[in-house]
């Protein structure tokens, strides 16, 4: 998280940066700037990345402990056999690879 992505207190953190935790570390920012100028095969890349991760883990600005609950509605006007509590053949989400398991199971209503 770069210093220029930290929204001032009282202002909402907004995209594209959205550093909602307002975490900043000057050394980390310098490392990120240095990394951004390197090529993928630069031998310095691995050491800089390791140091950046060390800083991040030492300060640990956020610990994700749970996924957020989401309401996932399905419309049966045109397709049926969506996953449900009683028909739990796949996780009922369409934004991840689970969707690949849902699509072949759907049945057209015929409208």
PDB file of N, CA and C in Angstrom:
ATOM      1  N   UNK A   1       0.842  -1.160   0.000  1.00  0.00           N
ATOM      2  CA  UNK A   1       0.000   0.000   0.000  1.00  0.00           C
ATOM      3  C   UNK A   1       0.895   1.233   0.000  1.00  0.00           C
ATOM      4  N   UNK A   2       0.753   2.001  -1.001  1.00  0.00           N
ATOM      5  CA  UNK A   2       1.597   3.166  -1.185  1.00  0.00           C
ATOM      6  C   UNK A   2       1.042   4.363  -0.407  1.00  0.00           C
ATOM      7  N   UNK A   3       1.920   5.302  -0.082  1.00  0.00           N
ATOM      8  CA  UNK A   3       1.507   6.494   0.646  1.00  0.00           C
ATOM      9  C   UNK A   3       0.464   7.287  -0.134  1.00  0.00           C
ATOM     10  N   UNK A   4       0.587   7.300  -1.459  1.00  0.00           N
ATOM     11  CA  UNK A   4      -0.351   8.088  -2.255  1.00  0.00           C
ATOM     12  C   UNK A   4      -1.709   7.420  -2.411  1.00  0.00           C
ATOM     13  N   UNK A   5      -1.899   6.246  -1.816  1.00  0.00           N
ATOM     14  CA  UNK A   5      -3.208   5.600  -1.861  1.00  0.00           C
ATOM     15  C   UNK A   5      -3.963   5.772  -0.545  1.00  0.00           C
ATOM     16  N   UNK A   6      -3.359   6.439   0.417  1.00  0.00           N
ATOM     17  CA  UNK A   6      -4.003   6.614   1.713  1.00  0.00           C
ATOM     18  C   UNK A   6      -4.895   7.840   1.667  1.00  0.00           C
ATOM     19  N   UNK A   7      -6.189   7.628   1.823  1.00  0.00           N
ATOM     20  CA  UNK A   7      -7.126   8.746   1.841  1.00  0.00           C
ATOM     21  C   UNK A   7      -6.974   9.496   3.158  1.00  0.00           C
ATOM     22  N   UNK A   8      -7.061  10.808   3.128  1.00  0.00           N
ATOM     23  CA  UNK A   8      -6.993  11.568   4.370  1.00  0.00           C
ATOM     24  C   UNK A   8      -8.129  11.174   5.323  1.00  0.00           C
ATOM     25  N   UNK A   9      -7.868  11.274   6.605  1.00  0.00           N
ATOM     26  CA  UNK A   9      -8.912  10.964   7.584  1.00  0.00           C
ATOM     27  C   UNK A   9     -10.116  11.851   7.306  1.00  0.00           C
ATOM     28  N   UNK A  10     -11.281  11.270   7.408  1.00  0.00           N
ATOM     29  CA  UNK A  10     -12.505  11.997   7.122  1.00  0.00           C
ATOM     30  C   UNK A  10     -12.976  11.820   5.695  1.00  0.00           C
ATOM     31  N   UNK A  11     -12.090  11.340   4.811  1.00  0.00           N
ATOM     32  CA  UNK A  11     -12.465  11.063   3.427  1.00  0.00           C
ATOM     33  C   UNK A  11     -12.573   9.565   3.223  1.00  0.00           C
ATOM     34  N   UNK A  12     -13.493   9.170   2.386  1.00  0.00           N
ATOM     35  CA  UNK A  12     -13.694   7.755   2.080  1.00  0.00           C
ATOM     36  C   UNK A  12     -12.598   7.262   1.135  1.00  0.00           C
ATOM     37  N   UNK A  13     -12.069   6.079   1.417  1.00  0.00           N
ATOM     38  CA  UNK A  13     -11.109   5.458   0.513  1.00  0.00           C
ATOM     39  C   UNK A  13     -11.855   5.041  -0.750  1.00  0.00           C
ATOM     40  N   UNK A  14     -11.385   5.474  -1.899  1.00  0.00           N
ATOM     41  CA  UNK A  14     -12.092   5.218  -3.156  1.00  0.00           C
ATOM     42  C   UNK A  14     -11.208   4.461  -4.135  1.00  0.00           C
ATOM     43  N   UNK A  15     -11.858   3.774  -5.042  1.00  0.00           N
ATOM     44  CA  UNK A  15     -11.145   3.091  -6.105  1.00  0.00           C
ATOM     45  C   UNK A  15     -10.458   4.131  -6.980  1.00  0.00           C
ATOM     46  N   UNK A  16      -9.378   3.851  -7.665  1.00  0.00           N
ATOM     47  CA  UNK A  16      -8.875   2.522  -7.909  1.00  0.00           C
ATOM     48  C   UNK A  16      -7.984   1.982  -6.795  1.00  0.00           C
ATOM     49  N   UNK A  17      -7.627   2.783  -5.823  1.00  0.00           N
ATOM     50  CA  UNK A  17      -6.685   2.309  -4.807  1.00  0.00           C
ATOM     51  C   UNK A  17      -7.392   1.688  -3.616  1.00  0.00           C
ATOM     52  N   UNK A  18      -8.359   2.356  -3.059  1.00  0.00           N
ATOM     53  CA  UNK A  18      -9.183   1.854  -1.964  1.00  0.00           C
ATOM     54  C   UNK A  18      -8.371   1.238  -0.827  1.00  0.00           C
ATOM     55  N   UNK A  19      -7.371   1.947  -0.354  1.00  0.00           N
ATOM     56  CA  UNK A  19      -6.605   1.508   0.807  1.00  0.00           C
ATOM     57  C   UNK A  19      -7.439   1.843   2.045  1.00  0.00           C
ATOM     58  N   UNK A  20      -8.487   1.078   2.257  1.00  0.00           N
ATOM     59  CA  UNK A  20      -9.451   1.359   3.324  1.00  0.00           C
ATOM     60  C   UNK A  20      -8.833   1.292   4.709  1.00  0.00           C
ATOM     61  N   UNK A  21      -7.739   0.570   4.863  1.00  0.00           N
ATOM     62  CA  UNK A  21      -7.115   0.422   6.178  1.00  0.00           C
ATOM     63  C   UNK A  21      -6.125   1.544   6.466  1.00  0.00           C
ATOM     64  N   UNK A  22      -5.872   2.361   5.454  1.00  0.00           N
ATOM     65  CA  UNK A  22      -4.980   3.513   5.581  1.00  0.00           C
ATOM     66  C   UNK A  22      -3.588   3.123   6.086  1.00  0.00           C
ATOM     67  N   UNK A  23      -3.173   1.912   5.726  1.00  0.00           N
ATOM     68  CA  UNK A  23      -1.848   1.449   6.134  1.00  0.00           C
ATOM     69  C   UNK A  23      -0.804   2.019   5.194  1.00  0.00           C
ATOM     70  N   UNK A  24       0.299   2.439   5.759  1.00  0.00           N
ATOM     71  CA  UNK A  24       1.389   2.955   4.952  1.00  0.00           C
ATOM     72  C   UNK A  24       2.704   2.678   5.658  1.00  0.00           C
ATOM     73  N   UNK A  25       3.702   2.325   4.890  1.00  0.00           N
ATOM     74  CA  UNK A  25       5.053   2.126   5.397  1.00  0.00           C
ATOM     75  C   UNK A  25       5.989   2.668   4.324  1.00  0.00           C
ATOM     76  N   UNK A  26       6.830   3.630   4.692  1.00  0.00           N
ATOM     77  CA  UNK A  26       7.696   4.297   3.713  1.00  0.00           C
ATOM     78  C   UNK A  26       8.660   3.327   3.033  1.00  0.00           C
ATOM     79  N   UNK A  27       9.244   2.405   3.810  1.00  0.00           N
ATOM     80  CA  UNK A  27      10.181   1.451   3.204  1.00  0.00           C
ATOM     81  C   UNK A  27       9.446   0.538   2.224  1.00  0.00           C
ATOM     82  N   UNK A  28       8.266   0.099   2.598  1.00  0.00           N
ATOM     83  CA  UNK A  28       7.459  -0.753   1.724  1.00  0.00           C
ATOM     84  C   UNK A  28       7.174  -0.023   0.404  1.00  0.00           C
ATOM     85  N   UNK A  29       6.794   1.250   0.496  1.00  0.00           N
ATOM     86  CA  UNK A  29       6.507   2.035  -0.709  1.00  0.00           C
ATOM     87  C   UNK A  29       7.745   2.144  -1.595  1.00  0.00           C
ATOM     88  N   UNK A  30       8.904   2.380  -0.992  1.00  0.00           N
ATOM     89  CA  UNK A  30      10.143   2.449  -1.774  1.00  0.00           C
ATOM     90  C   UNK A  30      10.413   1.132  -2.495  1.00  0.00           C
ATOM     91  N   UNK A  31      10.189   0.034  -1.792  1.00  0.00           N
ATOM     92  CA  UNK A  31      10.414  -1.285  -2.397  1.00  0.00           C
ATOM     93  C   UNK A  31       9.457  -1.518  -3.559  1.00  0.00           C
ATOM     94  N   UNK A  32       8.194  -1.181  -3.367  1.00  0.00           N
ATOM     95  CA  UNK A  32       7.209  -1.353  -4.441  1.00  0.00           C
ATOM     96  C   UNK A  32       7.595  -0.511  -5.653  1.00  0.00           C
ATOM     97  N   UNK A  33       8.040   0.715  -5.405  1.00  0.00           N
ATOM     98  CA  UNK A  33       8.490   1.556  -6.518  1.00  0.00           C
ATOM     99  C   UNK A  33       9.676   0.923  -7.243  1.00  0.00           C
ATOM    100  N   UNK A  34      10.593   0.376  -6.484  1.00  0.00           N
ATOM    101  CA  UNK A  34      11.776  -0.267  -7.088  1.00  0.00           C
ATOM    102  C   UNK A  34      11.360  -1.508  -7.884  1.00  0.00           C
ATOM    103  N   UNK A  35      10.505  -2.322  -7.300  1.00  0.00           N
ATOM    104  CA  UNK A  35      10.034  -3.535  -7.982  1.00  0.00           C
ATOM    105  C   UNK A  35       9.358  -3.187  -9.309  1.00  0.00           C
ATOM    106  N   UNK A  36       8.581  -2.115  -9.309  1.00  0.00           N
ATOM    107  CA  UNK A  36       7.835  -1.759 -10.526  1.00  0.00           C
ATOM    108  C   UNK A  36       8.737  -1.397 -11.694  1.00  0.00           C
ATOM    109  N   UNK A  37      10.006  -1.081 -11.407  1.00  0.00           N
ATOM    110  CA  UNK A  37      10.915  -0.723 -12.497  1.00  0.00           C
ATOM    111  C   UNK A  37      11.778  -1.897 -12.962  1.00  0.00           C
ATOM    112  N   UNK A  38      11.638  -3.047 -12.323  1.00  0.00           N
ATOM    113  CA  UNK A  38      12.475  -4.207 -12.659  1.00  0.00           C
ATOM    114  C   UNK A  38      11.800  -5.109 -13.689  1.00  0.00           C
ATOM    115  N   UNK A  39      12.595  -5.870 -14.383  1.00  0.00           N
ATOM    116  CA  UNK A  39      12.044  -6.887 -15.287  1.00  0.00           C
ATOM    117  C   UNK A  39      11.846  -8.176 -14.485  1.00  0.00           C
ATOM    118  N   UNK A  40      11.048  -9.073 -15.019  1.00  0.00           N
ATOM    119  CA  UNK A  40      10.707 -10.321 -14.306  1.00  0.00           C
ATOM    120  C   UNK A  40      11.917 -11.208 -14.029  1.00  0.00           C
ATOM    121  N   UNK A  41      12.966 -11.071 -14.812  1.00  0.00           N
ATOM    122  CA  UNK A  41      14.134 -11.937 -14.610  1.00  0.00           C
ATOM    123  C   UNK A  41      15.258 -11.259 -13.824  1.00  0.00           C
ATOM    124  N   UNK A  42      14.993 -10.097 -13.258  1.00  0.00           N
ATOM    125  CA  UNK A  42      16.003  -9.390 -12.471  1.00  0.00           C
ATOM    126  C   UNK A  42      16.258 -10.144 -11.162  1.00  0.00           C
ATOM    127  N   UNK A  43      17.512 -10.448 -10.844  1.00  0.00           N
ATOM    128  CA  UNK A  43      17.819 -11.202  -9.630  1.00  0.00           C
ATOM    129  C   UNK A  43      17.448 -10.448  -8.344  1.00  0.00           C
ATOM    130  N   UNK A  44      17.310  -9.145  -8.403  1.00  0.00           N
ATOM    131  CA  UNK A  44      16.951  -8.340  -7.235  1.00  0.00           C
ATOM    132  C   UNK A  44      15.467  -8.494  -6.863  1.00  0.00           C
ATOM    133  N   UNK A  45      14.665  -8.929  -7.818  1.00  0.00           N
ATOM    134  CA  UNK A  45      13.217  -9.014  -7.623  1.00  0.00           C
ATOM    135  C   UNK A  45      12.829  -9.904  -6.443  1.00  0.00           C
ATOM    136  N   UNK A  46      13.405 -11.070  -6.350  1.00  0.00           N
ATOM    137  CA  UNK A  46      13.053 -12.008  -5.283  1.00  0.00           C
ATOM    138  C   UNK A  46      13.392 -11.445  -3.902  1.00  0.00           C
ATOM    139  N   UNK A  47      14.563 -10.852  -3.755  1.00  0.00           N
ATOM    140  CA  UNK A  47      14.972 -10.291  -2.462  1.00  0.00           C
ATOM    141  C   UNK A  47      14.078  -9.121  -2.059  1.00  0.00           C
ATOM    142  N   UNK A  48      13.747  -8.259  -3.006  1.00  0.00           N
ATOM    143  CA  UNK A  48      12.869  -7.125  -2.705  1.00  0.00           C
ATOM    144  C   UNK A  48      11.469  -7.593  -2.324  1.00  0.00           C
ATOM    145  N   UNK A  49      10.975  -8.586  -3.045  1.00  0.00           N
ATOM    146  CA  UNK A  49       9.650  -9.121  -2.723  1.00  0.00           C
ATOM    147  C   UNK A  49       9.643  -9.738  -1.331  1.00  0.00           C
ATOM    148  N   UNK A  50      10.688 -10.468  -1.000  1.00  0.00           N
ATOM    149  CA  UNK A  50      10.786 -11.076   0.335  1.00  0.00           C
ATOM    150  C   UNK A  50      10.789 -10.000   1.413  1.00  0.00           C
ATOM    151  N   UNK A  51      11.516  -8.913   1.194  1.00  0.00           N
ATOM    152  CA  UNK A  51      11.558  -7.830   2.184  1.00  0.00           C
ATOM    153  C   UNK A  51      10.200  -7.143   2.301  1.00  0.00           C
ATOM    154  N   UNK A  52       9.538  -6.914   1.180  1.00  0.00           N
ATOM    155  CA  UNK A  52       8.211  -6.291   1.210  1.00  0.00           C
ATOM    156  C   UNK A  52       7.233  -7.163   1.999  1.00  0.00           C
ATOM    157  N   UNK A  53       7.264  -8.466   1.767  1.00  0.00           N
ATOM    158  CA  UNK A  53       6.382  -9.368   2.506  1.00  0.00           C
ATOM    159  C   UNK A  53       6.736  -9.401   3.989  1.00  0.00           C
ATOM    160  N   UNK A  54       8.011  -9.321   4.305  1.00  0.00           N
ATOM    161  CA  UNK A  54       8.423  -9.295   5.705  1.00  0.00           C
ATOM    162  C   UNK A  54       7.844  -8.060   6.407  1.00  0.00           C
ATOM    163  N   UNK A  55       7.944  -6.908   5.773  1.00  0.00           N
ATOM    164  CA  UNK A  55       7.381  -5.679   6.348  1.00  0.00           C
ATOM    165  C   UNK A  55       5.879  -5.838   6.538  1.00  0.00           C
ATOM    166  N   UNK A  56       5.216  -6.331   5.511  1.00  0.00           N
ATOM    167  CA  UNK A  56       3.759  -6.495   5.566  1.00  0.00           C
ATOM    168  C   UNK A  56       3.364  -7.420   6.717  1.00  0.00           C
ATOM    169  N   UNK A  57       4.049  -8.563   6.843  1.00  0.00           N
ATOM    170  CA  UNK A  57       3.685  -9.521   7.883  1.00  0.00           C
ATOM    171  C   UNK A  57       4.057  -9.036   9.281  1.00  0.00           C
ATOM    172  N   UNK A  58       5.108  -8.224   9.393  1.00  0.00           N
ATOM    173  CA  UNK A  58       5.463  -7.676  10.703  1.00  0.00           C
ATOM    174  C   UNK A  58       4.415  -6.668  11.179  1.00  0.00           C
ATOM    175  N   UNK A  59       3.912  -5.869  10.261  1.00  0.00           N
ATOM    176  CA  UNK A  59       2.930  -4.848  10.638  1.00  0.00           C
ATOM    177  C   UNK A  59       1.493  -5.365  10.533  1.00  0.00           C
ATOM    178  N   UNK A  60       1.276  -6.341   9.711  1.00  0.00           N
ATOM    179  CA  UNK A  60      -0.012  -6.995   9.499  1.00  0.00           C
ATOM    180  C   UNK A  60      -1.200  -6.035   9.624  1.00  0.00           C
ATOM    181  N   UNK A  61      -1.365  -5.175   8.629  1.00  0.00           N
ATOM    182  CA  UNK A  61      -2.406  -4.148   8.723  1.00  0.00           C
ATOM    183  C   UNK A  61      -3.831  -4.686   8.698  1.00  0.00           C
ATOM    184  N   UNK A  62      -4.014  -5.885   8.221  1.00  0.00           N
ATOM    185  CA  UNK A  62      -5.362  -6.459   8.183  1.00  0.00           C
ATOM    186  C   UNK A  62      -5.252  -7.973   8.214  1.00  0.00           C
ATOM    187  N   UNK A  63      -6.195  -8.594   8.909  1.00  0.00           N
ATOM    188  CA  UNK A  63      -6.249 -10.051   8.960  1.00  0.00           C
ATOM    189  C   UNK A  63      -7.638 -10.476   8.481  1.00  0.00           C
ATOM    190  N   UNK A  64      -7.747 -10.970   7.260  1.00  0.00           N
ATOM    191  CA  UNK A  64      -9.059 -11.436   6.800  1.00  0.00           C
ATOM    192  C   UNK A  64      -9.427 -12.722   7.546  1.00  0.00           C
ATOM    193  N   UNK A  65     -10.523 -12.695   8.265  1.00  0.00           N
ATOM    194  CA  UNK A  65     -10.905 -13.850   9.074  1.00  0.00           C
ATOM    195  C   UNK A  65     -12.119 -14.594   8.537  1.00  0.00           C
ATOM    196  N   UNK A  66     -12.865 -13.992   7.638  1.00  0.00           N
ATOM    197  CA  UNK A  66     -14.053 -14.657   7.116  1.00  0.00           C
ATOM    198  C   UNK A  66     -14.459 -14.036   5.789  1.00  0.00           C
ATOM    199  N   UNK A  67     -15.117 -14.830   4.993  1.00  0.00           N
ATOM    200  CA  UNK A  67     -15.703 -14.281   3.780  1.00  0.00           C
ATOM    201  C   UNK A  67     -16.990 -13.571   4.168  1.00  0.00           C
ATOM    202  N   UNK A  68     -17.371 -12.605   3.386  1.00  0.00           N
ATOM    203  CA  UNK A  68     -18.625 -11.924   3.672  1.00  0.00           C
ATOM    204  C   UNK A  68     -19.791 -12.748   3.149  1.00  0.00           C
ATOM    205  N   UNK A  69     -20.906 -12.655   3.847  1.00  0.00           N
ATOM    206  CA  UNK A  69     -22.104 -13.358   3.389  1.00  0.00           C
ATOM    207  C   UNK A  69     -22.691 -12.606   2.208  1.00  0.00           C
ATOM    208  N   UNK A  70     -23.193 -13.342   1.270  1.00  0.00           N
ATOM    209  CA  UNK A  70     -23.781 -12.727   0.089  1.00  0.00           C
ATOM    210  C   UNK A  70     -25.124 -13.388  -0.206  1.00  0.00           C
ATOM    211  N   UNK A  71     -26.020 -12.597  -0.704  1.00  0.00           N
ATOM    212  CA  UNK A  71     -27.301 -13.095  -1.166  1.00  0.00           C
ATOM    213  C   UNK A  71     -27.133 -13.446  -2.641  1.00  0.00           C
ATOM    214  N   UNK A  72     -27.393 -14.687  -3.020  1.00  0.00           N
ATOM    215  CA  UNK A  72     -27.187 -15.123  -4.395  1.00  0.00           C
ATOM    216  C   UNK A  72     -28.530 -15.609  -4.956  1.00  0.00           C
ATOM    217  N   UNK A  73     -29.306 -14.695  -5.532  1.00  0.00           N
ATOM    218  CA  UNK A  73     -30.606 -15.113  -6.067  1.00  0.00           C
ATOM    219  C   UNK A  73     -30.468 -15.765  -7.438  1.00  0.00           C
ATOM    220  N   UNK A  74     -31.328 -16.723  -7.705  1.00  0.00           N
ATOM    221  CA  UNK A  74     -31.402 -17.347  -9.020  1.00  0.00           C
ATOM    222  C   UNK A  74     -32.826 -17.218  -9.517  1.00  0.00           C
ATOM    223  N   UNK A  75     -32.993 -16.948 -10.791  1.00  0.00           N
ATOM    224  CA  UNK A  75     -34.305 -16.813 -11.396  1.00  0.00           C
ATOM    225  C   UNK A  75     -34.623 -18.093 -12.161  1.00  0.00           C
ATOM    226  N   UNK A  76     -35.770 -18.676 -11.894  1.00  0.00           N
ATOM    227  CA  UNK A  76     -36.140 -19.932 -12.546  1.00  0.00           C
ATOM    228  C   UNK A  76     -37.116 -19.730 -13.708  1.00  0.00           C
ATOM    229  N   UNK A  77     -37.222 -18.496 -14.202  1.00  0.00           N
ATOM    230  CA  UNK A  77     -38.122 -18.242 -15.335  1.00  0.00           C
ATOM    231  C   UNK A  77     -37.670 -18.959 -16.597  1.00  0.00           C
ATOM    232  N   UNK A  78     -36.373 -19.045 -16.817  1.00  0.00           N
ATOM    233  CA  UNK A  78     -35.846 -19.639 -18.037  1.00  0.00           C
ATOM    234  C   UNK A  78     -35.005 -20.881 -17.797  1.00  0.00           C
ATOM    235  N   UNK A  79     -34.426 -20.999 -16.613  1.00  0.00           N
ATOM    236  CA  UNK A  79     -33.559 -22.121 -16.279  1.00  0.00           C
ATOM    237  C   UNK A  79     -33.891 -22.634 -14.890  1.00  0.00           C
ATOM    238  N   UNK A  80     -33.885 -23.943 -14.715  1.00  0.00           N
ATOM    239  CA  UNK A  80     -34.092 -24.543 -13.397  1.00  0.00           C
ATOM    240  C   UNK A  80     -32.898 -25.425 -13.049  1.00  0.00           C
ATOM    241  N   UNK A  81     -32.964 -26.022 -11.901  1.00  0.00           N
ATOM    242  CA  UNK A  81     -31.918 -26.880 -11.348  1.00  0.00           C
ATOM    243  C   UNK A  81     -30.704 -26.089 -10.866  1.00  0.00           C
ATOM    244  N   UNK A  82     -30.953 -24.862 -10.401  1.00  0.00           N
ATOM    245  CA  UNK A  82     -29.901 -24.108  -9.741  1.00  0.00           C
ATOM    246  C   UNK A  82     -29.573 -24.802  -8.431  1.00  0.00           C
ATOM    247  N   UNK A  83     -28.360 -24.696  -7.934  1.00  0.00           N
ATOM    248  CA  UNK A  83     -28.052 -25.314  -6.642  1.00  0.00           C
ATOM    249  C   UNK A  83     -28.848 -24.640  -5.525  1.00  0.00           C
ATOM    250  N   UNK A  84     -29.367 -25.443  -4.630  1.00  0.00           N
ATOM    251  CA  UNK A  84     -30.128 -24.950  -3.480  1.00  0.00           C
ATOM    252  C   UNK A  84     -29.683 -25.719  -2.246  1.00  0.00           C
ATOM    253  N   UNK A  85     -30.270 -25.381  -1.128  1.00  0.00           N
ATOM    254  CA  UNK A  85     -29.962 -26.097   0.109  1.00  0.00           C
ATOM    255  C   UNK A  85     -30.324 -27.578  -0.027  1.00  0.00           C
ATOM    256  N   UNK A  86     -31.419 -27.866  -0.703  1.00  0.00           N
ATOM    257  CA  UNK A  86     -31.868 -29.253  -0.880  1.00  0.00           C
ATOM    258  C   UNK A  86     -31.231 -29.947  -2.081  1.00  0.00           C
ATOM    259  N   UNK A  87     -30.650 -29.191  -2.961  1.00  0.00           N
ATOM    260  CA  UNK A  87     -30.021 -29.729  -4.180  1.00  0.00           C
ATOM    261  C   UNK A  87     -28.608 -29.141  -4.272  1.00  0.00           C
ATOM    262  N   UNK A  88     -27.785 -29.453  -3.287  1.00  0.00           N
ATOM    263  CA  UNK A  88     -26.471 -28.822  -3.131  1.00  0.00           C
ATOM    264  C   UNK A  88     -25.399 -29.610  -3.888  1.00  0.00           C
ATOM    265  N   UNK A  89     -25.495 -29.603  -5.216  1.00  0.00           N
ATOM    266  CA  UNK A  89     -24.493 -30.308  -6.017  1.00  0.00           C
ATOM    267  C   UNK A  89     -23.260 -29.454  -6.275  1.00  0.00           C
ATOM    268  N   UNK A  90     -23.344 -28.177  -6.009  1.00  0.00           N
ATOM    269  CA  UNK A  90     -22.233 -27.245  -6.238  1.00  0.00           C
ATOM    270  C   UNK A  90     -22.464 -26.010  -5.383  1.00  0.00           C
ATOM    271  N   UNK A  91     -21.361 -25.316  -5.027  1.00  0.00           N
ATOM    272  CA  UNK A  91     -21.543 -24.055  -4.307  1.00  0.00           C
ATOM    273  C   UNK A  91     -22.375 -23.126  -5.179  1.00  0.00           C
ATOM    274  N   UNK A  92     -23.373 -22.500  -4.624  1.00  0.00           N
ATOM    275  CA  UNK A  92     -24.284 -21.683  -5.441  1.00  0.00           C
ATOM    276  C   UNK A  92     -23.764 -20.270  -5.698  1.00  0.00           C
ATOM    277  N   UNK A  93     -22.618 -20.176  -6.354  1.00  0.00           N
ATOM    278  CA  UNK A  93     -22.075 -18.868  -6.706  1.00  0.00           C
ATOM    279  C   UNK A  93     -21.666 -18.878  -8.174  1.00  0.00           C
ATOM    280  N   UNK A  94     -21.751 -17.719  -8.803  1.00  0.00           N
ATOM    281  CA  UNK A  94     -21.445 -17.659 -10.228  1.00  0.00           C
ATOM    282  C   UNK A  94     -20.221 -16.819 -10.538  1.00  0.00           C
ATOM    283  N   UNK A  95     -19.513 -16.326  -9.521  1.00  0.00           N
ATOM    284  CA  UNK A  95     -18.355 -15.471  -9.766  1.00  0.00           C
ATOM    285  C   UNK A  95     -17.026 -16.205  -9.606  1.00  0.00           C
ATOM    286  N   UNK A  96     -17.045 -17.491  -9.487  1.00  0.00           N
ATOM    287  CA  UNK A  96     -15.790 -18.237  -9.351  1.00  0.00           C
ATOM    288  C   UNK A  96     -15.903 -19.547 -10.137  1.00  0.00           C
ATOM    289  N   UNK A  97     -14.901 -20.395 -10.084  1.00  0.00           N
ATOM    290  CA  UNK A  97     -14.943 -21.628 -10.869  1.00  0.00           C
ATOM    291  C   UNK A  97     -16.134 -22.533 -10.584  1.00  0.00           C
ATOM    292  N   UNK A  98     -16.834 -22.325  -9.475  1.00  0.00           N
ATOM    293  CA  UNK A  98     -18.024 -23.129  -9.196  1.00  0.00           C
ATOM    294  C   UNK A  98     -19.061 -23.016 -10.307  1.00  0.00           C
ATOM    295  N   UNK A  99     -19.084 -21.883 -10.979  1.00  0.00           N
ATOM    296  CA  UNK A  99     -20.062 -21.659 -12.053  1.00  0.00           C
ATOM    297  C   UNK A  99     -19.916 -22.697 -13.162  1.00  0.00           C
ATOM    298  N   UNK A 100     -18.700 -23.148 -13.397  1.00  0.00           N
ATOM    299  CA  UNK A 100     -18.465 -24.155 -14.428  1.00  0.00           C
ATOM    300  C   UNK A 100     -19.206 -25.449 -14.086  1.00  0.00           C
ATOM    301  N   UNK A 101     -19.352 -25.749 -12.809  1.00  0.00           N
ATOM    302  CA  UNK A 101     -20.095 -26.936 -12.401  1.00  0.00           C
ATOM    303  C   UNK A 101     -21.599 -26.749 -12.406  1.00  0.00           C
ATOM    304  N   UNK A 102     -22.039 -25.508 -12.399  1.00  0.00           N
ATOM    305  CA  UNK A 102     -23.478 -25.211 -12.397  1.00  0.00           C
ATOM    306  C   UNK A 102     -24.051 -25.238 -13.812  1.00  0.00           C
ATOM    307  N   UNK A 103     -23.363 -24.609 -14.738  1.00  0.00           N
ATOM    308  CA  UNK A 103     -23.901 -24.432 -16.090  1.00  0.00           C
ATOM    309  C   UNK A 103     -24.362 -25.725 -16.755  1.00  0.00           C
ATOM    310  N   UNK A 104     -23.599 -26.817 -16.713  1.00  0.00           N
ATOM    311  CA  UNK A 104     -24.084 -28.022 -17.387  1.00  0.00           C
ATOM    312  C   UNK A 104     -25.274 -28.687 -16.696  1.00  0.00           C
ATOM    313  N   UNK A 105     -25.550 -28.299 -15.454  1.00  0.00           N
ATOM    314  CA  UNK A 105     -26.659 -28.899 -14.717  1.00  0.00           C
ATOM    315  C   UNK A 105     -27.977 -28.175 -14.919  1.00  0.00           C
ATOM    316  N   UNK A 106     -27.956 -26.974 -15.491  1.00  0.00           N
ATOM    317  CA  UNK A 106     -29.172 -26.198 -15.664  1.00  0.00           C
ATOM    318  C   UNK A 106     -30.075 -26.828 -16.731  1.00  0.00           C
ATOM    319  N   UNK A 107     -31.358 -26.675 -16.519  1.00  0.00           N
ATOM    320  CA  UNK A 107     -32.356 -27.247 -17.421  1.00  0.00           C
ATOM    321  C   UNK A 107     -33.224 -26.107 -17.954  1.00  0.00           C
ATOM    322  N   UNK A 108     -33.327 -26.008 -19.286  1.00  0.00           N
ATOM    323  CA  UNK A 108     -34.130 -24.962 -19.898  1.00  0.00           C
ATOM    324  C   UNK A 108     -35.606 -25.196 -19.633  1.00  0.00           C
ATOM    325  N   UNK A 109     -36.315 -24.123 -19.322  1.00  0.00           N
ATOM    326  CA  UNK A 109     -37.757 -24.212 -19.062  1.00  0.00           C
ATOM    327  C   UNK A 109     -38.529 -24.286 -20.363  1.00  0.00           C
ATOM    328  N   UNK A 110     -38.012 -23.703 -21.413  1.00  0.00           N
ATOM    329  CA  UNK A 110     -38.674 -23.769 -22.712  1.00  0.00           C
ATOM    330  C   UNK A 110     -39.397 -22.501 -23.086  1.00  0.00           C
ATOM    331  N   UNK A 111     -39.146 -21.421 -22.420  1.00  0.00           N
ATOM    332  CA  UNK A 111     -39.785 -20.157 -22.770  1.00  0.00           C
ATOM    333  C   UNK A 111     -39.051 -19.501 -23.908  1.00  0.00           C
TER     334      UNK A 111
END
